[in-house]
Amino acid sequence: MKNRFMRVNEVAEALEVSDPYAYKIIRKLNEELESEGYLTVKGRVNRDYFYERIYSKGGEK
């Protein structure tokens, strides 16, 4: 089973950005999850939520 969380190096590679920018994205996504009442892990982001927010066509948020 694949890990449920992505670390900074995976986010940076997926988006072709630097590690510091990947950390910024992780912080933003985790803030969104926290505002919805979810617990988060610092420096990691839920893999499903990442792909939903980054590659979703809906643009709800």
N, C-alpha and C. Protein backbone atom coordinates (compact mmCIF):
# COMPACT_ATOMS: atom_id res chain seq x y z
N MET A 1 0.85 -1.19 0.00
CA MET A 1 0.00 0.00 0.00
C MET A 1 0.89 1.24 0.00
N LYS A 2 0.55 2.17 -0.85
CA LYS A 2 1.30 3.41 -0.94
C LYS A 2 1.04 4.29 0.28
N ASN A 3 2.03 5.02 0.71
CA ASN A 3 1.91 5.90 1.86
C ASN A 3 0.80 6.92 1.63
N ARG A 4 0.00 7.17 2.65
CA ARG A 4 -1.13 8.10 2.54
C ARG A 4 -0.68 9.56 2.50
N PHE A 5 0.54 9.81 2.93
CA PHE A 5 1.03 11.18 2.99
C PHE A 5 2.21 11.39 2.05
N MET A 6 2.26 12.59 1.51
CA MET A 6 3.37 12.98 0.64
C MET A 6 4.30 13.88 1.44
N ARG A 7 5.59 13.68 1.25
CA ARG A 7 6.59 14.54 1.87
C ARG A 7 6.99 15.62 0.87
N VAL A 8 7.79 16.53 1.33
CA VAL A 8 8.16 17.69 0.52
C VAL A 8 8.82 17.29 -0.79
N ASN A 9 9.68 16.28 -0.77
CA ASN A 9 10.37 15.91 -2.01
C ASN A 9 9.40 15.38 -3.06
N GLU A 10 8.35 14.68 -2.64
CA GLU A 10 7.35 14.18 -3.59
C GLU A 10 6.52 15.33 -4.17
N VAL A 11 6.15 16.27 -3.32
CA VAL A 11 5.38 17.43 -3.79
C VAL A 11 6.22 18.25 -4.76
N ALA A 12 7.47 18.49 -4.41
CA ALA A 12 8.36 19.27 -5.27
C ALA A 12 8.55 18.59 -6.62
N GLU A 13 8.69 17.28 -6.61
CA GLU A 13 8.87 16.54 -7.86
C GLU A 13 7.60 16.55 -8.70
N ALA A 14 6.45 16.35 -8.07
CA ALA A 14 5.18 16.32 -8.80
C ALA A 14 4.88 17.64 -9.49
N LEU A 15 5.25 18.75 -8.84
CA LEU A 15 4.95 20.08 -9.38
C LEU A 15 6.14 20.74 -10.05
N GLU A 16 7.29 20.07 -10.00
CA GLU A 16 8.53 20.62 -10.57
C GLU A 16 8.84 22.01 -9.99
N VAL A 17 8.85 22.07 -8.65
CA VAL A 17 9.16 23.30 -7.92
C VAL A 17 10.26 23.01 -6.91
N SER A 18 10.77 24.07 -6.29
CA SER A 18 11.81 23.91 -5.27
C SER A 18 11.21 23.36 -3.97
N ASP A 19 12.08 22.83 -3.12
CA ASP A 19 11.62 22.33 -1.82
C ASP A 19 10.96 23.42 -0.97
N PRO A 20 11.56 24.63 -0.88
CA PRO A 20 10.89 25.67 -0.08
C PRO A 20 9.48 26.00 -0.58
N TYR A 21 9.30 26.01 -1.90
CA TYR A 21 7.97 26.30 -2.43
C TYR A 21 7.02 25.13 -2.16
N ALA A 22 7.53 23.92 -2.21
CA ALA A 22 6.71 22.75 -1.89
C ALA A 22 6.25 22.81 -0.43
N TYR A 23 7.14 23.25 0.48
CA TYR A 23 6.74 23.43 1.88
C TYR A 23 5.60 24.44 1.99
N LYS A 24 5.68 25.51 1.23
CA LYS A 24 4.64 26.54 1.25
C LYS A 24 3.30 25.94 0.81
N ILE A 25 3.33 25.13 -0.22
CA ILE A 25 2.10 24.49 -0.71
C ILE A 25 1.54 23.53 0.34
N ILE A 26 2.43 22.75 0.95
CA ILE A 26 1.98 21.82 2.00
C ILE A 26 1.34 22.58 3.14
N ARG A 27 1.95 23.70 3.56
CA ARG A 27 1.36 24.50 4.65
C ARG A 27 -0.04 24.99 4.27
N LYS A 28 -0.19 25.47 3.05
CA LYS A 28 -1.49 25.98 2.60
C LYS A 28 -2.54 24.88 2.60
N LEU A 29 -2.20 23.74 2.04
CA LEU A 29 -3.16 22.64 1.99
C LEU A 29 -3.51 22.15 3.38
N ASN A 30 -2.52 22.08 4.28
CA ASN A 30 -2.80 21.66 5.65
C ASN A 30 -3.67 22.68 6.38
N GLU A 31 -3.48 23.97 6.10
CA GLU A 31 -4.35 24.99 6.70
C GLU A 31 -5.79 24.79 6.26
N GLU A 32 -5.99 24.48 4.99
CA GLU A 32 -7.33 24.21 4.48
C GLU A 32 -7.95 23.02 5.20
N LEU A 33 -7.17 21.95 5.35
CA LEU A 33 -7.68 20.76 6.04
C LEU A 33 -8.00 21.05 7.50
N GLU A 34 -7.13 21.81 8.17
CA GLU A 34 -7.36 22.15 9.57
C GLU A 34 -8.63 22.99 9.73
N SER A 35 -8.88 23.89 8.80
CA SER A 35 -10.08 24.73 8.89
C SER A 35 -11.35 23.90 8.73
N GLU A 36 -11.22 22.72 8.13
CA GLU A 36 -12.35 21.81 7.98
C GLU A 36 -12.43 20.81 9.12
N GLY A 37 -11.51 20.94 10.09
CA GLY A 37 -11.55 20.09 11.28
C GLY A 37 -10.69 18.84 11.22
N TYR A 38 -9.86 18.70 10.20
CA TYR A 38 -9.00 17.52 10.09
C TYR A 38 -7.68 17.75 10.83
N LEU A 39 -7.12 16.67 11.32
CA LEU A 39 -5.78 16.72 11.91
C LEU A 39 -4.77 16.62 10.77
N THR A 40 -3.66 17.30 10.91
CA THR A 40 -2.63 17.27 9.88
C THR A 40 -1.28 16.92 10.49
N VAL A 41 -0.34 16.56 9.64
CA VAL A 41 1.02 16.27 10.07
C VAL A 41 1.93 17.31 9.43
N LYS A 42 2.66 18.02 10.26
CA LYS A 42 3.53 19.08 9.77
C LYS A 42 4.56 18.52 8.77
N GLY A 43 4.68 19.19 7.63
CA GLY A 43 5.65 18.78 6.63
C GLY A 43 5.18 17.67 5.71
N ARG A 44 3.92 17.24 5.89
CA ARG A 44 3.35 16.20 5.04
C ARG A 44 1.93 16.59 4.68
N VAL A 45 1.45 16.09 3.56
CA VAL A 45 0.10 16.40 3.15
C VAL A 45 -0.57 15.11 2.68
N ASN A 46 -1.85 15.00 2.93
CA ASN A 46 -2.60 13.84 2.49
C ASN A 46 -2.53 13.73 0.98
N ARG A 47 -2.13 12.57 0.50
CA ARG A 47 -1.92 12.34 -0.94
C ARG A 47 -3.20 12.56 -1.74
N ASP A 48 -4.32 12.04 -1.28
CA ASP A 48 -5.59 12.19 -2.00
C ASP A 48 -6.00 13.65 -2.07
N TYR A 49 -5.85 14.37 -0.96
CA TYR A 49 -6.23 15.78 -0.94
C TYR A 49 -5.33 16.60 -1.86
N PHE A 50 -4.05 16.29 -1.86
CA PHE A 50 -3.11 16.99 -2.74
C PHE A 50 -3.55 16.86 -4.20
N TYR A 51 -3.78 15.64 -4.65
CA TYR A 51 -4.15 15.44 -6.05
C TYR A 51 -5.52 16.04 -6.37
N GLU A 52 -6.42 15.99 -5.39
CA GLU A 52 -7.75 16.60 -5.59
C GLU A 52 -7.63 18.11 -5.79
N ARG A 53 -6.82 18.76 -4.96
CA ARG A 53 -6.69 20.23 -5.03
C ARG A 53 -5.84 20.70 -6.20
N ILE A 54 -4.81 19.95 -6.52
CA ILE A 54 -3.89 20.39 -7.56
C ILE A 54 -4.43 20.07 -8.95
N TYR A 55 -5.03 18.93 -9.12
CA TYR A 55 -5.42 18.49 -10.45
C TYR A 55 -6.91 18.46 -10.70
N SER A 56 -7.71 18.92 -9.73
CA SER A 56 -9.16 18.94 -9.90
C SER A 56 -9.57 19.99 -10.92
N LYS A 57 -10.55 19.67 -11.72
CA LYS A 57 -11.04 20.61 -12.73
C LYS A 57 -12.14 21.51 -12.18
N GLY A 58 -12.72 21.14 -11.04
CA GLY A 58 -13.85 21.85 -10.48
C GLY A 58 -13.54 23.27 -10.06
N GLY A 59 -12.40 23.49 -9.47
CA GLY A 59 -12.01 24.83 -9.03
C GLY A 59 -12.93 25.41 -7.99
N GLU A 60 -13.42 24.56 -7.08
CA GLU A 60 -14.38 25.01 -6.06
C GLU A 60 -13.75 25.95 -5.04
N LYS A 61 -12.46 25.77 -4.74
CA LYS A 61 -11.83 26.60 -3.71
C LYS A 61 -10.99 27.68 -4.31
